[in-house]
Amino acid sequence: MSDLLESLFTGQLGGVFIMVLVSAAVIFFLRALYGPRGFFRDPKWDESNRRIRLKEAEERERRLREWQERGERDER
């Protein structure tokens, strides 16, 4: 087992393997801090994003109703 680990870290792909491990650790660390339900997530941004999504959903509903009304008028 130790020979396998030694060859993994000292071989040609060893540097790539270590780089992938370090990158994955950084990604998971940042996700824990700033991702969904993160420790340093700003509630003001979440509220702002919620309002924007609500406004966009209302706009989509309005356009859908207009499109349906146009289709009903064209059928008559």
Protein backbone atom coordinates (compact mmCIF):
# COMPACT_ATOMS: atom_id res chain seq x y z
CA MET A 1 0.00 0.00 0.00
CA SER A 2 2.78 2.44 0.85
CA ASP A 3 4.48 1.68 -2.48
CA LEU A 4 1.26 2.58 -4.27
CA LEU A 5 0.94 5.88 -2.41
CA GLU A 6 4.60 6.70 -2.95
CA SER A 7 4.37 6.04 -6.68
CA LEU A 8 1.19 8.11 -6.84
CA PHE A 9 2.81 11.18 -5.28
CA THR A 10 6.21 10.88 -6.95
CA GLY A 11 5.02 9.84 -10.42
CA GLN A 12 4.28 12.08 -13.36
CA LEU A 13 0.62 12.42 -12.44
CA GLY A 14 1.42 13.07 -8.78
CA GLY A 15 1.48 16.84 -9.22
CA VAL A 16 -1.83 16.78 -11.04
CA PHE A 17 -3.36 14.60 -8.32
CA ILE A 18 -2.19 16.94 -5.56
CA MET A 19 -3.43 19.98 -7.51
CA VAL A 20 -6.87 18.38 -7.91
CA LEU A 21 -7.04 17.57 -4.19
CA VAL A 22 -6.07 21.11 -3.17
CA SER A 23 -8.52 22.64 -5.65
CA ALA A 24 -11.34 20.42 -4.41
CA ALA A 25 -10.57 21.39 -0.82
CA VAL A 26 -10.68 25.10 -1.69
CA ILE A 27 -13.94 24.69 -3.62
CA PHE A 28 -15.66 22.86 -0.76
CA PHE A 29 -14.31 25.37 1.78
CA LEU A 30 -15.66 28.35 -0.19
CA ARG A 31 -18.97 26.59 -0.73
CA ALA A 32 -19.29 26.04 3.02
CA LEU A 33 -18.60 29.72 3.65
CA TYR A 34 -20.52 31.43 0.84
CA GLY A 35 -22.76 28.76 -0.74
CA PRO A 36 -26.37 28.00 0.10
CA ARG A 37 -26.81 28.30 3.87
CA GLY A 38 -23.20 29.45 4.09
CA PHE A 39 -21.77 31.07 7.21
CA PHE A 40 -20.87 34.39 5.52
CA ARG A 41 -23.81 34.61 3.13
CA ASP A 42 -25.35 38.11 3.04
CA PRO A 43 -29.11 38.06 3.80
CA LYS A 44 -29.59 41.35 1.94
CA TRP A 45 -28.41 39.72 -1.30
CA ASP A 46 -30.75 36.78 -0.75
CA GLU A 47 -33.70 39.13 -0.24
CA SER A 48 -32.74 41.16 -3.31
CA ASN A 49 -32.46 37.99 -5.42
CA ARG A 50 -35.83 36.78 -4.13
CA ARG A 51 -37.49 40.06 -5.15
CA ILE A 52 -35.87 39.95 -8.60
CA ARG A 53 -37.00 36.34 -9.16
CA LEU A 54 -40.53 37.24 -8.06
CA LYS A 55 -40.64 40.21 -10.43
CA GLU A 56 -39.36 38.08 -13.33
CA ALA A 57 -41.95 35.38 -12.59
CA GLU A 58 -44.74 38.00 -12.63
CA GLU A 59 -43.42 39.35 -15.94
CA ARG A 60 -43.40 35.82 -17.45
CA GLU A 61 -46.98 35.25 -16.27
CA ARG A 62 -48.09 38.58 -17.77
CA ARG A 63 -46.46 37.77 -21.13
CA LEU A 64 -48.02 34.27 -21.10
CA ARG A 65 -51.50 35.73 -20.47
CA GLU A 66 -51.01 38.25 -23.30
CA TRP A 67 -49.84 35.49 -25.64
CA GLN A 68 -52.84 33.31 -24.75
CA GLU A 69 -55.26 36.22 -25.24
CA ARG A 70 -53.74 36.98 -28.66
CA GLY A 71 -54.15 33.32 -29.62
CA GLU A 72 -57.81 33.34 -28.56
CA ARG A 73 -58.50 36.53 -30.57
CA ASP A 74 -56.83 35.04 -33.67
CA GLU A 75 -59.06 31.96 -33.51
CA ARG A 76 -62.26 34.04 -33.72
